[in-house]
N, C-alpha and C. Protein backbone atom coordinates (compact mmCIF):
# COMPACT_ATOMS: atom_id res chain seq x y z
N MET A 1 144.49 174.47 24.81
CA MET A 1 144.61 173.74 25.45
C MET A 1 144.70 172.58 25.21
N LYS A 2 145.61 171.41 25.26
CA LYS A 2 145.51 170.12 24.50
C LYS A 2 144.71 169.23 25.07
N GLU A 3 143.80 168.53 24.12
CA GLU A 3 143.05 167.35 24.69
C GLU A 3 143.78 165.99 25.48
N LEU A 4 143.12 165.69 26.53
CA LEU A 4 143.61 164.67 26.76
C LEU A 4 142.99 163.84 26.47
N ALA A 5 143.73 162.10 26.11
CA ALA A 5 143.53 160.76 25.72
C ALA A 5 142.23 160.34 26.67
N PRO A 6 141.16 159.60 26.41
CA PRO A 6 139.99 159.16 26.87
C PRO A 6 140.97 158.21 27.78
N PHE A 7 140.33 157.77 29.39
CA PHE A 7 141.01 157.27 30.26
C PHE A 7 140.83 155.74 29.70
N ASN A 8 139.70 154.85 28.87
CA ASN A 8 140.46 153.79 28.57
C ASN A 8 141.13 153.57 27.04
N SER A 9 141.46 154.39 26.74
CA SER A 9 142.35 154.02 25.66
C SER A 9 143.57 154.03 26.37
N LEU A 10 143.87 154.43 27.59
CA LEU A 10 145.38 154.05 28.26
C LEU A 10 145.14 152.69 28.43
N PHE A 11 144.23 151.91 28.89
CA PHE A 11 144.28 150.51 29.17
C PHE A 11 143.83 149.48 27.96
N ASP A 12 144.34 150.36 26.75
CA ASP A 12 143.62 149.25 25.78
C ASP A 12 144.84 148.19 25.14
N ASP A 13 144.76 147.75 25.88
CA ASP A 13 145.77 146.42 25.26
C ASP A 13 145.00 144.78 26.04
N ALA A 14 146.00 143.63 25.73
CA ALA A 14 145.38 142.85 26.01
C ALA A 14 144.53 142.13 27.73
N PHE A 15 145.15 142.69 28.42
CA PHE A 15 144.64 142.71 29.75
C PHE A 15 143.79 143.62 30.39
N PHE A 16 143.85 145.01 29.61
CA PHE A 16 142.55 145.67 29.75
C PHE A 16 141.83 145.78 29.14
N GLY A 17 141.72 145.27 28.00
CA GLY A 17 140.41 145.18 26.71
C GLY A 17 138.82 145.79 27.37
N ASP A 18 138.42 144.71 28.04
CA ASP A 18 137.13 145.22 28.32
C ASP A 18 137.10 145.36 30.09
N PHE A 19 137.90 145.74 30.61
CA PHE A 19 138.17 146.39 32.05
C PHE A 19 136.66 147.23 32.55
N PHE A 20 136.28 148.11 31.87
CA PHE A 20 135.67 148.85 32.18
C PHE A 20 134.39 148.44 31.81
N ARG A 21 133.67 147.56 31.11
CA ARG A 21 132.78 147.08 30.97
C ARG A 21 132.27 145.75 31.95
N GLY A 22 131.45 146.34 32.80
CA GLY A 22 130.94 145.30 33.45
C GLY A 22 130.12 144.35 33.09
N ARG A 23 129.31 144.47 32.45
CA ARG A 23 128.37 143.33 32.39
C ARG A 23 128.26 142.98 31.02
N ARG A 24 128.00 141.56 30.71
CA ARG A 24 128.23 141.04 28.75
C ARG A 24 126.58 140.89 28.76
N GLY A 25 126.55 141.07 27.78
CA GLY A 25 125.12 141.03 27.70
C GLY A 25 124.41 139.94 27.64
N SER A 26 124.98 138.84 27.79
CA SER A 26 124.25 137.74 28.40
C SER A 26 124.16 137.55 29.98
N GLY A 27 124.16 138.42 30.56
CA GLY A 27 124.01 138.10 31.84
C GLY A 27 125.31 137.89 32.54
N GLU A 28 126.19 137.38 31.81
CA GLU A 28 127.98 137.40 32.41
C GLU A 28 128.33 138.64 33.16
N MET A 29 128.87 138.10 34.42
CA MET A 29 129.63 139.65 34.96
C MET A 29 131.22 139.68 34.60
N MET A 30 131.83 140.25 34.38
CA MET A 30 133.38 140.46 34.16
C MET A 30 133.87 140.81 35.60
N PRO A 31 135.07 140.24 36.45
CA PRO A 31 135.37 140.54 37.97
C PRO A 31 136.07 141.56 37.55
N ALA A 32 136.35 142.45 38.60
CA ALA A 32 137.08 143.52 38.86
C ALA A 32 138.11 142.89 38.67
N ILE A 33 139.49 143.12 38.26
CA ILE A 33 140.81 142.80 38.66
C ILE A 33 141.82 143.91 39.18
N ASP A 34 142.70 143.42 39.42
CA ASP A 34 144.26 143.90 39.33
C ASP A 34 145.11 143.04 39.43
N VAL A 35 146.21 143.88 38.70
CA VAL A 35 147.05 143.19 37.99
C VAL A 35 148.12 143.43 38.19
N LYS A 36 149.23 143.24 38.51
CA LYS A 36 150.41 143.88 38.72
C LYS A 36 151.78 142.53 38.24
N GLU A 37 152.81 143.19 37.79
CA GLU A 37 153.88 142.50 37.32
C GLU A 37 155.74 143.04 37.50
N ASP A 38 155.68 141.90 38.12
CA ASP A 38 157.51 141.94 38.38
C ASP A 38 158.37 141.44 37.26
N SER A 39 159.38 141.19 37.58
CA SER A 39 160.54 140.53 37.20
C SER A 39 160.62 139.17 37.32
N LYS A 40 159.61 138.52 38.33
CA LYS A 40 158.96 137.14 38.56
C LYS A 40 158.30 136.67 37.84
N GLY A 41 157.18 137.86 37.68
CA GLY A 41 155.62 137.07 37.30
C GLY A 41 154.75 138.39 37.58
N TYR A 42 153.46 137.65 37.10
CA TYR A 42 151.84 138.50 37.25
C TYR A 42 151.68 138.09 38.41
N HIS A 43 150.71 139.30 39.11
CA HIS A 43 149.94 138.67 40.55
C HIS A 43 148.70 139.44 39.78
N ILE A 44 147.88 138.50 40.14
CA ILE A 44 146.53 138.97 39.60
C ILE A 44 145.64 138.77 40.63
N LYS A 45 144.44 139.81 41.40
CA LYS A 45 143.55 139.50 42.43
C LYS A 45 142.26 139.94 41.59
N ALA A 46 141.26 138.91 41.75
CA ALA A 46 140.06 139.38 41.53
C ALA A 46 138.59 138.84 42.40
N ASP A 47 137.92 139.68 41.89
CA ASP A 47 137.09 139.92 42.74
C ASP A 47 135.51 139.11 42.38
N LEU A 48 135.54 138.32 43.43
CA LEU A 48 134.23 137.45 42.93
C LEU A 48 133.07 137.15 44.42
N PRO A 49 132.93 138.12 44.72
CA PRO A 49 131.54 138.19 45.73
C PRO A 49 130.39 137.14 45.56
N GLY A 50 130.48 136.47 46.64
CA GLY A 50 129.48 135.57 46.73
C GLY A 50 129.36 134.15 45.94
N VAL A 51 130.67 134.15 45.65
CA VAL A 51 131.22 132.47 44.80
C VAL A 51 131.96 131.27 46.35
N GLU A 52 131.74 130.63 46.19
CA GLU A 52 132.14 129.36 47.03
C GLU A 52 133.54 129.14 45.79
N LYS A 53 134.78 129.06 46.52
CA LYS A 53 135.99 127.99 46.23
C LYS A 53 135.60 127.04 45.14
N ASP A 54 134.38 126.02 45.53
CA ASP A 54 134.42 125.18 44.15
C ASP A 54 133.71 124.86 43.09
N ASP A 55 133.36 126.46 43.21
CA ASP A 55 133.10 126.70 41.50
C ASP A 55 133.51 127.47 41.03
N ILE A 56 135.24 127.71 41.39
CA ILE A 56 136.00 128.99 40.66
C ILE A 56 136.63 127.88 39.77
N LYS A 57 136.73 128.38 38.16
CA LYS A 57 137.56 127.68 37.28
C LYS A 57 138.70 128.62 37.11
N VAL A 58 139.83 128.25 36.68
CA VAL A 58 141.14 128.70 36.59
C VAL A 58 142.24 127.40 35.41
N THR A 59 141.98 128.39 33.98
CA THR A 59 142.52 127.84 33.28
C THR A 59 143.73 128.56 32.83
N LEU A 60 144.68 128.58 31.67
CA LEU A 60 145.98 128.59 31.39
C LEU A 60 145.99 128.05 29.93
N ASN A 61 145.32 128.55 28.88
CA ASN A 61 145.76 128.10 27.21
C ASN A 61 146.37 128.93 26.36
N ASN A 62 147.56 128.33 26.04
CA ASN A 62 148.39 128.77 24.56
C ASN A 62 148.19 129.92 25.44
N GLY A 63 148.76 130.93 26.50
CA GLY A 63 149.00 132.08 26.84
C GLY A 63 147.99 133.01 27.68
N VAL A 64 146.73 132.26 27.44
CA VAL A 64 145.29 133.02 27.59
C VAL A 64 144.68 132.37 28.88
N LEU A 65 145.52 133.39 30.00
CA LEU A 65 144.20 132.86 31.48
C LEU A 65 143.13 133.15 31.23
N SER A 66 142.12 132.07 32.11
CA SER A 66 140.71 132.38 31.78
C SER A 66 140.41 132.07 33.66
N VAL A 67 139.39 132.85 33.60
CA VAL A 67 138.84 132.92 35.63
C VAL A 67 137.43 132.43 34.97
N THR A 68 136.46 131.91 35.17
CA THR A 68 135.04 131.59 35.53
C THR A 68 134.25 130.96 36.45
N ALA A 69 133.49 131.79 37.26
CA ALA A 69 132.88 131.41 38.84
C ALA A 69 131.45 131.43 38.29
N GLU A 70 130.81 130.94 39.43
CA GLU A 70 129.30 130.72 39.11
C GLU A 70 129.07 131.22 40.65
N THR A 71 127.57 131.90 40.71
CA THR A 71 126.83 131.95 41.97
C THR A 71 125.76 131.39 41.90
N HIS A 72 125.11 131.08 42.82
CA HIS A 72 123.72 130.25 42.76
C HIS A 72 122.81 131.18 43.62
N LYS A 73 121.46 130.99 43.36
CA LYS A 73 120.46 131.88 43.98
C LYS A 73 119.93 131.17 45.33
N GLU A 74 120.57 132.11 46.52
CA GLU A 74 119.78 132.66 47.77
C GLU A 74 118.27 132.05 47.63
N GLU A 75 118.15 130.81 48.52
CA GLU A 75 116.98 130.39 48.59
C GLU A 75 116.16 131.12 49.84
N SER A 76 115.42 131.71 49.97
CA SER A 76 114.63 132.68 51.07
C SER A 76 112.96 132.12 50.66
N GLU A 77 112.42 132.20 51.89
CA GLU A 77 110.92 132.42 51.64
C GLU A 77 110.27 133.75 52.56
N GLU A 78 109.82 134.36 51.89
CA GLU A 78 109.17 135.56 52.41
C GLU A 78 107.71 135.31 53.11
N LYS A 79 107.61 135.51 54.18
CA LYS A 79 106.41 135.11 55.33
C LYS A 79 105.41 136.34 54.84
N GLU A 80 106.09 137.42 55.43
CA GLU A 80 105.21 138.77 54.87
C GLU A 80 105.83 140.08 54.21
N GLY A 81 105.71 140.48 53.64
CA GLY A 81 106.15 141.54 52.78
C GLY A 81 106.13 141.01 51.76
N LYS A 82 107.12 141.58 50.75
CA LYS A 82 107.53 141.62 49.74
C LYS A 82 108.93 141.97 49.46
N VAL A 83 109.53 141.51 48.56
CA VAL A 83 110.87 141.92 48.51
C VAL A 83 110.84 142.82 47.03
N ILE A 84 111.11 144.07 47.40
CA ILE A 84 111.29 145.03 46.62
C ILE A 84 112.58 144.87 45.42
N ARG A 85 113.73 145.08 45.88
CA ARG A 85 114.80 144.93 45.47
C ARG A 85 116.05 144.22 45.59
N ARG A 86 116.62 142.86 44.90
CA ARG A 86 117.55 142.76 45.31
C ARG A 86 118.46 142.61 44.66
N GLU A 87 119.72 143.04 44.88
CA GLU A 87 121.28 143.48 43.87
C GLU A 87 122.20 142.62 43.88
N ARG A 88 122.20 141.20 44.81
CA ARG A 88 123.03 140.42 44.61
C ARG A 88 122.85 139.89 43.34
N HIS A 89 124.43 139.30 42.84
CA HIS A 89 124.30 138.83 41.38
C HIS A 89 124.65 137.61 41.61
N VAL A 90 123.10 136.93 40.56
CA VAL A 90 123.16 135.34 40.61
C VAL A 90 123.29 135.09 39.01
N GLY A 91 124.77 134.26 39.03
CA GLY A 91 124.24 133.71 38.01
C GLY A 91 126.26 133.21 37.27
N ARG A 92 127.05 134.45 36.20
CA ARG A 92 128.39 133.84 36.08
C ARG A 92 129.37 134.82 35.65
N TYR A 93 130.49 134.67 36.26
CA TYR A 93 131.57 135.33 36.24
C TYR A 93 132.39 134.83 34.95
N SER A 94 132.63 135.68 34.02
CA SER A 94 134.00 135.09 33.02
C SER A 94 135.09 136.33 32.62
N ARG A 95 135.89 135.86 32.92
CA ARG A 95 137.31 136.86 32.58
C ARG A 95 138.48 136.15 31.44
N SER A 96 139.00 136.82 30.77
CA SER A 96 140.16 136.06 30.23
C SER A 96 140.90 137.43 29.70
N MET A 97 142.17 137.00 29.82
CA MET A 97 143.22 138.10 29.83
C MET A 97 144.59 137.75 28.95
N SER A 98 145.06 138.03 28.43
CA SER A 98 146.72 137.09 27.73
C SER A 98 147.62 137.86 28.59
N VAL A 99 148.43 136.61 28.76
CA VAL A 99 149.21 136.77 29.68
C VAL A 99 150.57 136.69 29.08
N GLY A 100 150.36 136.09 27.84
CA GLY A 100 151.73 135.40 27.10
C GLY A 100 152.27 134.08 27.38
N ARG A 101 152.96 133.94 26.44
CA ARG A 101 153.66 132.57 26.89
C ARG A 101 154.79 131.98 27.84
N ASP A 102 155.44 132.98 28.70
CA ASP A 102 156.13 133.01 29.30
C ASP A 102 156.07 132.46 30.74
N ILE A 103 154.91 131.99 30.94
CA ILE A 103 154.40 131.64 32.37
C ILE A 103 154.93 130.49 32.28
N ASP A 104 154.95 130.13 33.62
CA ASP A 104 155.38 128.31 34.42
C ASP A 104 154.31 128.09 34.50
N PRO A 105 153.51 127.37 33.84
CA PRO A 105 152.24 126.62 34.15
C PRO A 105 152.39 125.58 35.35
N ALA A 106 153.51 124.82 35.77
CA ALA A 106 153.70 124.32 36.84
C ALA A 106 153.92 125.20 38.50
N SER A 107 154.20 126.46 38.22
CA SER A 107 154.06 126.83 39.68
C SER A 107 153.06 127.88 39.83
N ILE A 108 152.11 127.87 39.19
CA ILE A 108 150.77 128.83 39.14
C ILE A 108 150.15 128.45 40.47
N LYS A 109 150.36 129.90 41.57
CA LYS A 109 149.63 129.51 42.84
C LYS A 109 148.57 130.11 42.84
N ALA A 110 147.00 129.40 43.28
CA ALA A 110 145.91 130.25 43.45
C ALA A 110 145.45 129.75 45.26
N SER A 111 144.99 131.21 45.76
CA SER A 111 144.34 130.84 46.75
C SER A 111 142.88 132.38 46.45
N PHE A 112 141.81 131.77 47.37
CA PHE A 112 140.58 132.56 47.43
C PHE A 112 140.57 132.67 49.00
N GLU A 113 140.15 133.60 48.86
CA GLU A 113 139.80 134.16 50.60
C GLU A 113 138.90 135.55 51.01
N ASN A 114 137.75 135.25 51.27
CA ASN A 114 136.72 136.93 51.46
C ASN A 114 136.09 137.24 50.09
N GLY A 115 135.94 136.62 49.12
CA GLY A 115 135.68 136.52 47.60
C GLY A 115 136.75 136.89 46.80
N VAL A 116 137.97 136.92 47.54
CA VAL A 116 138.98 137.45 46.25
C VAL A 116 139.83 136.41 45.87
N LEU A 117 140.06 135.96 44.72
CA LEU A 117 140.51 134.86 44.17
C LEU A 117 141.97 135.91 43.69
N SER A 118 143.16 135.04 44.14
CA SER A 118 144.72 135.51 43.93
C SER A 118 144.93 134.29 43.35
N LEU A 119 146.26 135.41 42.01
CA LEU A 119 146.84 133.94 41.39
C LEU A 119 148.15 134.97 41.05
N ASP A 120 149.40 134.14 41.47
CA ASP A 120 150.75 134.23 41.46
C ASP A 120 151.01 133.50 40.01
N LEU A 121 151.71 134.22 39.00
CA LEU A 121 152.04 133.31 37.75
C LEU A 121 153.31 133.62 37.07
N PRO A 122 154.44 132.70 37.85
CA PRO A 122 155.58 132.99 37.59
C PRO A 122 155.91 133.11 36.27
N LYS A 123 156.94 133.89 35.89
CA LYS A 123 157.65 133.82 34.48
C LYS A 123 158.74 132.48 34.89
N LEU A 124 158.57 132.14 33.43
CA LEU A 124 159.79 130.55 33.04
C LEU A 124 160.96 132.01 33.25
N GLU A 125 161.84 130.58 33.91
CA GLU A 125 163.22 131.97 34.01
C GLU A 125 163.92 132.01 32.67
N GLN A 126 164.12 131.10 31.99
CA GLN A 126 164.89 131.21 30.52
C GLN A 126 163.73 131.50 29.23
N GLN A 127 163.85 132.63 28.83
CA GLN A 127 162.83 133.11 28.42
C GLN A 127 162.81 132.50 26.60
N PRO A 128 162.09 131.72 26.02
CA PRO A 128 161.74 131.26 24.42
C PRO A 128 162.40 132.88 24.21
N PRO A 129 163.37 132.60 23.05
CA PRO A 129 163.73 133.42 22.19
C PRO A 129 162.16 133.80 21.10
N GLU A 130 162.54 135.18 20.95
CA GLU A 130 161.49 135.97 20.09
C GLU A 130 161.35 135.46 18.73
N SER A 131 162.67 135.37 18.25
CA SER A 131 162.91 134.88 17.02
C SER A 131 164.60 134.12 16.95
N THR A 132 164.39 132.85 15.62
CA THR A 132 165.40 132.54 15.53
C THR A 132 165.94 132.78 14.50
N HIS A 133 167.56 132.66 14.15
CA HIS A 133 167.78 132.88 12.78
C HIS A 133 168.19 131.21 12.38
N ILE A 134 167.76 131.00 11.19
CA ILE A 134 167.73 129.93 10.44
C ILE A 134 168.77 129.91 9.31
N ARG A 135 169.37 128.79 9.46
CA ARG A 135 170.07 128.82 8.53
C ARG A 135 170.35 128.22 6.96
N ILE A 136 170.18 128.54 6.01
CA ILE A 136 169.83 128.21 4.85
C ILE A 136 170.71 127.31 4.50
N GLU A 137 171.18 125.55 3.97
CA GLU A 137 172.05 124.90 3.67
C GLU A 137 171.75 124.94 2.04
């Protein structure tokens, strides 16, 4: 019987490099994402539970899309009993992925609703040439 490739190797590219590793050593969390591509561009959804819209930063720099967000500690006073376990993430989310240089930065649209960041990254209508022949004089 032929052995199957490990599941992670199926996604071994710039988009999915760290997809299956949720927590970084520094305590940062990587938000789970969905990425779709069609002829018009990329459509990305990132889960950012417990984050407020004003605490999210999205940047595109040299073909790399970065999403960072912070959650803040919930202030609560315990009068009776004690907290046994708290599983809410308090800290920072961070995720970067290569989307290439064929994105139209002026047309990127972002929205945030119910803890999900949605990004539409339209591709440039006219693609830059991958290579150019240079005539030698």
